[in-house]
Amino acid sequence: MATLTIISKPGCHLCDVAREIVDLVVAERPDGDVDVEELSIADDPALSAQWWEKIPVVLIDGQLHGHWRVSPDRLRIALNDTVGAGEEAE
């Protein structure tokens, strides 16, 4: 299983687009192999200090996947690589 984190803020149109792409890509995957969480820089000063100029930010298992614009194809590949790598390690 992988954890995908979207770091966003309210009123961010790029964040809305990133969320839609994440939802689409995750919906294509087997149930339960990707856990999606969303954090807002408006709620966390540390996140704001780190990411405010790059939102939306997408992390996979805590590692930066990308920021600003999310490519569905690139996200699919990254999730396949991450989830597949985790299964091989078990």
C-alpha atoms as a PDB file:
ATOM      1  CA  MET A   1       0.000   0.000   0.000  1.00  0.00           C
ATOM      2  CA  ALA A   2       1.115   3.547  -0.730  1.00  0.00           C
ATOM      3  CA  THR A   3       0.158   6.798   0.942  1.00  0.00           C
ATOM      4  CA  LEU A   4      -0.440   9.712  -1.397  1.00  0.00           C
ATOM      5  CA  THR A   5      -0.570  13.136   0.218  1.00  0.00           C
ATOM      6  CA  ILE A   6      -1.904  16.258  -1.465  1.00  0.00           C
ATOM      7  CA  ILE A   7      -0.752  19.507   0.109  1.00  0.00           C
ATOM      8  CA  SER A   8      -3.106  22.296  -0.880  1.00  0.00           C
ATOM      9  CA  LYS A   9      -4.937  25.390   0.298  1.00  0.00           C
ATOM     10  CA  PRO A  10      -8.530  26.594   0.040  1.00  0.00           C
ATOM     11  CA  GLY A  11      -9.404  28.506  -3.112  1.00  0.00           C
ATOM     12  CA  CYS A  12      -6.501  27.089  -5.150  1.00  0.00           C
ATOM     13  CA  HIS A  13      -7.705  26.146  -8.634  1.00  0.00           C
ATOM     14  CA  LEU A  14      -4.566  24.095  -9.377  1.00  0.00           C
ATOM     15  CA  CYS A  15      -5.259  22.197  -6.152  1.00  0.00           C
ATOM     16  CA  ASP A  16      -8.767  21.404  -7.376  1.00  0.00           C
ATOM     17  CA  VAL A  17      -7.359  20.066 -10.660  1.00  0.00           C
ATOM     18  CA  ALA A  18      -4.681  18.028  -8.846  1.00  0.00           C
ATOM     19  CA  ARG A  19      -7.348  16.531  -6.549  1.00  0.00           C
ATOM     20  CA  GLU A  20      -9.456  15.512  -9.573  1.00  0.00           C
ATOM     21  CA  ILE A  21      -6.458  13.835 -11.237  1.00  0.00           C
ATOM     22  CA  VAL A  22      -5.507  12.015  -8.036  1.00  0.00           C
ATOM     23  CA  ASP A  23      -9.098  10.828  -7.573  1.00  0.00           C
ATOM     24  CA  LEU A  24      -9.235   9.590 -11.195  1.00  0.00           C
ATOM     25  CA  VAL A  25      -5.924   7.719 -11.028  1.00  0.00           C
ATOM     26  CA  VAL A  26      -6.603   6.189  -7.603  1.00  0.00           C
ATOM     27  CA  ALA A  27     -10.089   5.070  -8.716  1.00  0.00           C
ATOM     28  CA  GLU A  28      -8.425   3.004 -11.482  1.00  0.00           C
ATOM     29  CA  ARG A  29      -6.399   1.043  -8.924  1.00  0.00           C
ATOM     30  CA  PRO A  30      -7.404  -1.937  -6.786  1.00  0.00           C
ATOM     31  CA  ASP A  31      -9.326  -0.900  -3.679  1.00  0.00           C
ATOM     32  CA  GLY A  32      -7.149  -0.144  -0.718  1.00  0.00           C
ATOM     33  CA  ASP A  33      -3.715  -0.066  -2.347  1.00  0.00           C
ATOM     34  CA  VAL A  34      -3.434   3.743  -2.158  1.00  0.00           C
ATOM     35  CA  ASP A  35      -4.429   5.763   0.890  1.00  0.00           C
ATOM     36  CA  VAL A  36      -5.070   9.412  -0.024  1.00  0.00           C
ATOM     37  CA  GLU A  37      -4.775  12.204   2.520  1.00  0.00           C
ATOM     38  CA  GLU A  38      -5.016  15.940   2.024  1.00  0.00           C
ATOM     39  CA  LEU A  39      -3.293  18.541   4.150  1.00  0.00           C
ATOM     40  CA  SER A  40      -3.799  22.290   3.945  1.00  0.00           C
ATOM     41  CA  ILE A  41      -1.062  24.870   4.340  1.00  0.00           C
ATOM     42  CA  ALA A  42      -3.776  27.060   5.871  1.00  0.00           C
ATOM     43  CA  ASP A  43      -3.928  24.673   8.858  1.00  0.00           C
ATOM     44  CA  ASP A  44      -0.228  24.064   9.405  1.00  0.00           C
ATOM     45  CA  PRO A  45       2.417  26.819   9.640  1.00  0.00           C
ATOM     46  CA  ALA A  46       5.262  24.336   9.054  1.00  0.00           C
ATOM     47  CA  LEU A  47       3.662  23.050   5.843  1.00  0.00           C
ATOM     48  CA  SER A  48       3.019  26.624   4.767  1.00  0.00           C
ATOM     49  CA  ALA A  49       6.653  27.607   5.328  1.00  0.00           C
ATOM     50  CA  GLN A  50       7.891  24.595   3.374  1.00  0.00           C
ATOM     51  CA  TRP A  51       5.432  24.434   0.468  1.00  0.00           C
ATOM     52  CA  TRP A  52       3.491  27.726   0.088  1.00  0.00           C
ATOM     53  CA  GLU A  53       5.027  28.634  -3.271  1.00  0.00           C
ATOM     54  CA  LYS A  54       4.726  25.152  -4.776  1.00  0.00           C
ATOM     55  CA  ILE A  55       1.169  24.023  -4.026  1.00  0.00           C
ATOM     56  CA  PRO A  56      -0.403  21.798  -4.965  1.00  0.00           C
ATOM     57  CA  VAL A  57       2.250  19.345  -3.869  1.00  0.00           C
ATOM     58  CA  VAL A  58       1.904  15.583  -4.218  1.00  0.00           C
ATOM     59  CA  LEU A  59       3.906  13.249  -1.996  1.00  0.00           C
ATOM     60  CA  ILE A  60       4.015   9.483  -2.339  1.00  0.00           C
ATOM     61  CA  ASP A  61       5.014   7.761   0.884  1.00  0.00           C
ATOM     62  CA  GLY A  62       6.376  11.076   2.125  1.00  0.00           C
ATOM     63  CA  GLN A  63       8.594  11.653  -0.912  1.00  0.00           C
ATOM     64  CA  LEU A  64       8.015  14.516  -3.328  1.00  0.00           C
ATOM     65  CA  HIS A  65       6.321  13.308  -6.499  1.00  0.00           C
ATOM     66  CA  GLY A  66       5.585  16.721  -7.982  1.00  0.00           C
ATOM     67  CA  HIS A  67       4.138  20.161  -7.566  1.00  0.00           C
ATOM     68  CA  TRP A  68       1.999  22.699  -9.452  1.00  0.00           C
ATOM     69  CA  ARG A  69       0.657  20.425 -12.186  1.00  0.00           C
ATOM     70  CA  VAL A  70      -0.016  16.707 -11.811  1.00  0.00           C
ATOM     71  CA  SER A  71       0.360  14.443 -14.838  1.00  0.00           C
ATOM     72  CA  PRO A  72      -2.033  11.479 -14.723  1.00  0.00           C
ATOM     73  CA  ASP A  73       0.375   9.274 -16.695  1.00  0.00           C
ATOM     74  CA  ARG A  74       3.358  10.137 -14.507  1.00  0.00           C
ATOM     75  CA  LEU A  75       1.275   9.552 -11.362  1.00  0.00           C
ATOM     76  CA  ARG A  76       0.092   6.147 -12.641  1.00  0.00           C
ATOM     77  CA  ILE A  77       3.681   5.085 -13.289  1.00  0.00           C
ATOM     78  CA  ALA A  78       4.875   6.318  -9.896  1.00  0.00           C
ATOM     79  CA  LEU A  79       2.080   4.501  -8.065  1.00  0.00           C
ATOM     80  CA  ASN A  80       2.705   1.307 -10.035  1.00  0.00           C
ATOM     81  CA  ASP A  81       6.409   1.517  -9.167  1.00  0.00           C
ATOM     82  CA  THR A  82       5.738   2.303  -5.499  1.00  0.00           C
ATOM     83  CA  VAL A  83       3.015  -0.248  -4.834  1.00  0.00           C
ATOM     84  CA  GLY A  84       4.826  -2.922  -6.869  1.00  0.00           C
ATOM     85  CA  ALA A  85       8.084  -2.276  -5.000  1.00  0.00           C
ATOM     86  CA  GLY A  86       6.280  -2.591  -1.681  1.00  0.00           C
ATOM     87  CA  GLU A  87       4.730  -5.934  -2.666  1.00  0.00           C
ATOM     88  CA  GLU A  88       8.114  -7.330  -3.734  1.00  0.00           C
ATOM     89  CA  ALA A  89       9.637  -6.382  -0.370  1.00  0.00           C
ATOM     90  CA  GLU A  90       7.026  -8.381   1.587  1.00  0.00           C
END
